[in-house]
Amino acid sequence: EQLNQLYPKMDRFRDVCSRYDPNGVFRNHFVKEKLGF
């Protein structure tokens, strides 16, 4: 995935987001489409 190449800590960012926002309250279409979660 291109984002992982540009941002080596993207997986860690996804983990943190999932931990602090498990219900996806702060996620939107852009986040789902571009960041994959």
C-alpha atoms as a PDB file:
ATOM      1  CA  GLU A   1       0.000   0.000   0.000  1.00  0.00           C
ATOM      2  CA  GLN A   2       1.305   3.415  -0.956  1.00  0.00           C
ATOM      3  CA  LEU A   3       0.426   5.046   2.367  1.00  0.00           C
ATOM      4  CA  ASN A   4       2.503   2.515   4.270  1.00  0.00           C
ATOM      5  CA  GLN A   5       5.487   3.396   2.092  1.00  0.00           C
ATOM      6  CA  LEU A   6       5.000   7.118   2.683  1.00  0.00           C
ATOM      7  CA  TYR A   7       4.164   6.776   6.372  1.00  0.00           C
ATOM      8  CA  PRO A   8       6.033   3.852   7.954  1.00  0.00           C
ATOM      9  CA  LYS A   9       4.078   4.182  11.208  1.00  0.00           C
ATOM     10  CA  MET A  10       0.641   4.036   9.555  1.00  0.00           C
ATOM     11  CA  ASP A  11      -0.091   0.610  11.071  1.00  0.00           C
ATOM     12  CA  ARG A  12       0.642   1.980  14.530  1.00  0.00           C
ATOM     13  CA  PHE A  13      -1.611   4.979  13.827  1.00  0.00           C
ATOM     14  CA  ARG A  14      -4.445   2.635  12.835  1.00  0.00           C
ATOM     15  CA  ASP A  15      -3.964   0.654  16.047  1.00  0.00           C
ATOM     16  CA  VAL A  16      -4.091   3.806  18.174  1.00  0.00           C
ATOM     17  CA  CYS A  17      -7.210   5.045  16.368  1.00  0.00           C
ATOM     18  CA  SER A  18      -8.928   1.702  16.869  1.00  0.00           C
ATOM     19  CA  ARG A  19      -8.047   1.679  20.542  1.00  0.00           C
ATOM     20  CA  TYR A  20      -9.250   5.221  21.268  1.00  0.00           C
ATOM     21  CA  ASP A  21     -12.212   5.196  18.873  1.00  0.00           C
ATOM     22  CA  PRO A  22     -13.424   1.569  18.819  1.00  0.00           C
ATOM     23  CA  ASN A  23     -16.904   2.533  17.613  1.00  0.00           C
ATOM     24  CA  GLY A  24     -15.631   4.674  14.740  1.00  0.00           C
ATOM     25  CA  VAL A  25     -17.329   7.847  15.938  1.00  0.00           C
ATOM     26  CA  PHE A  26     -14.626  10.070  14.442  1.00  0.00           C
ATOM     27  CA  ARG A  27     -14.253   8.143  11.186  1.00  0.00           C
ATOM     28  CA  ASN A  28     -15.791   9.230   7.931  1.00  0.00           C
ATOM     29  CA  HIS A  29     -15.877   8.221   4.270  1.00  0.00           C
ATOM     30  CA  PHE A  30     -12.446   9.750   3.576  1.00  0.00           C
ATOM     31  CA  VAL A  31     -10.823   7.884   6.459  1.00  0.00           C
ATOM     32  CA  LYS A  32     -12.415   4.611   5.393  1.00  0.00           C
ATOM     33  CA  GLU A  33     -11.533   5.048   1.726  1.00  0.00           C
ATOM     34  CA  LYS A  34      -8.032   6.512   1.976  1.00  0.00           C
ATOM     35  CA  LEU A  35      -6.719   5.125   5.247  1.00  0.00           C
ATOM     36  CA  GLY A  36      -8.511   1.793   5.115  1.00  0.00           C
ATOM     37  CA  PHE A  37     -10.249   1.748   8.478  1.00  0.00           C
END
